[in-house]
Amino acid sequence: MKWPESRSIHGGEQKLFSFENGYGASLVKHFFSYGGKEDLWELMVLHDDFPCYTSPITDDVVGYLNDAEADALLEKIARLPKKFPDREIF
């Protein structure tokens, strides 16, 4: 998977991913992230650009990921089925 350019955040970096299924991910590596001090990534699953704590991937952030581990989780997120909001449509 091709990773986007990083943006600066909290003295470190962030990469934002968006997938056709409505999911996405935020990868961060900075002083306050889980693994940032060890030059490892923290991943948060997103849905419609908001944090998602109900995905089949995780119900929290996942920290201490090397590049290959982060990439494997990104691939799984990209393959999730589309999620529809739990609300009535009028």
C-alpha atoms as a PDB file:
ATOM      1  CA  MET A   1       0.000   0.000   0.000  1.00  0.00           C
ATOM      2  CA  LYS A   2       1.240   3.466  -0.861  1.00  0.00           C
ATOM      3  CA  TRP A   3       1.552   5.638   2.224  1.00  0.00           C
ATOM      4  CA  PRO A   4       0.699   9.353   1.993  1.00  0.00           C
ATOM      5  CA  GLU A   5       3.054  12.156   2.865  1.00  0.00           C
ATOM      6  CA  SER A   6       3.373  12.944   6.548  1.00  0.00           C
ATOM      7  CA  ARG A   7       2.200  16.077   8.243  1.00  0.00           C
ATOM      8  CA  SER A   8       3.772  17.493  11.379  1.00  0.00           C
ATOM      9  CA  ILE A   9       2.005  16.871  14.690  1.00  0.00           C
ATOM     10  CA  HIS A  10       3.238  17.253  18.295  1.00  0.00           C
ATOM     11  CA  GLY A  11       6.862  17.358  17.150  1.00  0.00           C
ATOM     12  CA  GLY A  12       6.443  14.130  15.173  1.00  0.00           C
ATOM     13  CA  GLU A  13       4.449  12.963  12.184  1.00  0.00           C
ATOM     14  CA  GLN A  14       0.992  11.810  11.126  1.00  0.00           C
ATOM     15  CA  LYS A  15      -0.188   9.963   8.027  1.00  0.00           C
ATOM     16  CA  LEU A  16      -3.894   9.964   7.188  1.00  0.00           C
ATOM     17  CA  PHE A  17      -5.464   7.193   5.097  1.00  0.00           C
ATOM     18  CA  SER A  18      -8.923   7.099   3.507  1.00  0.00           C
ATOM     19  CA  PHE A  19     -10.481   4.034   1.877  1.00  0.00           C
ATOM     20  CA  GLU A  20     -13.470   3.549  -0.436  1.00  0.00           C
ATOM     21  CA  ASN A  21     -15.371   1.588   2.231  1.00  0.00           C
ATOM     22  CA  GLY A  22     -15.732   4.707   4.394  1.00  0.00           C
ATOM     23  CA  TYR A  23     -12.996   3.668   6.779  1.00  0.00           C
ATOM     24  CA  GLY A  24      -9.601   5.229   7.169  1.00  0.00           C
ATOM     25  CA  ALA A  25      -6.743   5.369   9.606  1.00  0.00           C
ATOM     26  CA  SER A  26      -4.467   7.785  11.349  1.00  0.00           C
ATOM     27  CA  LEU A  27      -0.889   6.712  11.928  1.00  0.00           C
ATOM     28  CA  VAL A  28       1.063   8.854  14.344  1.00  0.00           C
ATOM     29  CA  LYS A  29       4.579   8.775  15.656  1.00  0.00           C
ATOM     30  CA  HIS A  30       5.435  11.435  18.240  1.00  0.00           C
ATOM     31  CA  PHE A  31       6.546  11.829  21.843  1.00  0.00           C
ATOM     32  CA  PHE A  32       3.045  11.213  23.255  1.00  0.00           C
ATOM     33  CA  SER A  33       2.005   8.267  21.034  1.00  0.00           C
ATOM     34  CA  TYR A  34       2.236   4.601  22.014  1.00  0.00           C
ATOM     35  CA  GLY A  35       5.625   3.672  20.570  1.00  0.00           C
ATOM     36  CA  GLY A  36       6.637   7.104  19.376  1.00  0.00           C
ATOM     37  CA  LYS A  37       9.696   7.243  21.624  1.00  0.00           C
ATOM     38  CA  GLU A  38      10.824   3.951  20.053  1.00  0.00           C
ATOM     39  CA  ASP A  39      10.197   5.263  16.481  1.00  0.00           C
ATOM     40  CA  LEU A  40       7.101   3.045  16.170  1.00  0.00           C
ATOM     41  CA  TRP A  41       3.577   3.875  14.967  1.00  0.00           C
ATOM     42  CA  GLU A  42       0.259   4.234  16.759  1.00  0.00           C
ATOM     43  CA  LEU A  43      -2.808   3.494  14.610  1.00  0.00           C
ATOM     44  CA  MET A  44      -6.364   4.762  15.079  1.00  0.00           C
ATOM     45  CA  VAL A  45      -9.189   3.433  12.915  1.00  0.00           C
ATOM     46  CA  LEU A  46     -11.385   6.150  11.425  1.00  0.00           C
ATOM     47  CA  HIS A  47     -14.856   6.046   9.891  1.00  0.00           C
ATOM     48  CA  ASP A  48     -16.076   9.048   7.924  1.00  0.00           C
ATOM     49  CA  ASP A  49     -12.981  10.870   9.225  1.00  0.00           C
ATOM     50  CA  PHE A  50     -13.935  10.358  12.893  1.00  0.00           C
ATOM     51  CA  PRO A  51     -12.362   7.990  15.438  1.00  0.00           C
ATOM     52  CA  CYS A  52     -14.027   4.563  15.273  1.00  0.00           C
ATOM     53  CA  TYR A  53     -13.924   2.373  18.367  1.00  0.00           C
ATOM     54  CA  THR A  54     -16.358  -0.266  17.055  1.00  0.00           C
ATOM     55  CA  SER A  55     -14.476  -1.725  14.103  1.00  0.00           C
ATOM     56  CA  PRO A  56     -13.569  -5.409  13.828  1.00  0.00           C
ATOM     57  CA  ILE A  57      -9.913  -4.298  13.890  1.00  0.00           C
ATOM     58  CA  THR A  58      -9.802  -2.813  17.399  1.00  0.00           C
ATOM     59  CA  ASP A  59     -11.876  -0.966  19.977  1.00  0.00           C
ATOM     60  CA  ASP A  60      -8.984   1.350  20.838  1.00  0.00           C
ATOM     61  CA  VAL A  61      -5.754   2.586  19.280  1.00  0.00           C
ATOM     62  CA  VAL A  62      -3.028   0.071  18.457  1.00  0.00           C
ATOM     63  CA  GLY A  63       0.478   1.143  19.383  1.00  0.00           C
ATOM     64  CA  TYR A  64       4.056  -0.028  19.047  1.00  0.00           C
ATOM     65  CA  LEU A  65       3.713  -0.989  15.361  1.00  0.00           C
ATOM     66  CA  ASN A  66       6.621  -1.216  12.959  1.00  0.00           C
ATOM     67  CA  ASP A  67       6.033  -0.290   9.301  1.00  0.00           C
ATOM     68  CA  ALA A  68       5.130  -3.859   8.238  1.00  0.00           C
ATOM     69  CA  GLU A  69       2.691  -4.341  11.136  1.00  0.00           C
ATOM     70  CA  ALA A  70       1.037  -0.980  10.446  1.00  0.00           C
ATOM     71  CA  ASP A  71       0.770  -1.804   6.744  1.00  0.00           C
ATOM     72  CA  ALA A  72      -0.879  -5.177   7.514  1.00  0.00           C
ATOM     73  CA  LEU A  73      -3.522  -3.456   9.656  1.00  0.00           C
ATOM     74  CA  LEU A  74      -4.095  -0.805   6.976  1.00  0.00           C
ATOM     75  CA  GLU A  75      -4.745  -3.573   4.428  1.00  0.00           C
ATOM     76  CA  LYS A  76      -7.304  -5.171   6.775  1.00  0.00           C
ATOM     77  CA  ILE A  77      -9.056  -1.827   7.285  1.00  0.00           C
ATOM     78  CA  ALA A  78      -9.198  -1.231   3.533  1.00  0.00           C
ATOM     79  CA  ARG A  79     -10.902  -4.635   3.081  1.00  0.00           C
ATOM     80  CA  LEU A  80     -13.619  -4.101   5.710  1.00  0.00           C
ATOM     81  CA  PRO A  81     -17.182  -4.051   4.350  1.00  0.00           C
ATOM     82  CA  LYS A  82     -18.869  -0.670   4.122  1.00  0.00           C
ATOM     83  CA  LYS A  83     -20.397   0.431   7.407  1.00  0.00           C
ATOM     84  CA  PHE A  84     -23.651   2.303   7.382  1.00  0.00           C
ATOM     85  CA  PRO A  85     -24.538   4.764  10.121  1.00  0.00           C
ATOM     86  CA  ASP A  86     -26.902   3.563  12.849  1.00  0.00           C
ATOM     87  CA  ARG A  87     -29.536   6.192  12.148  1.00  0.00           C
ATOM     88  CA  GLU A  88     -32.805   6.446  10.320  1.00  0.00           C
ATOM     89  CA  ILE A  89     -32.824   7.833   6.829  1.00  0.00           C
ATOM     90  CA  PHE A  90     -35.879   9.959   6.027  1.00  0.00           C
END
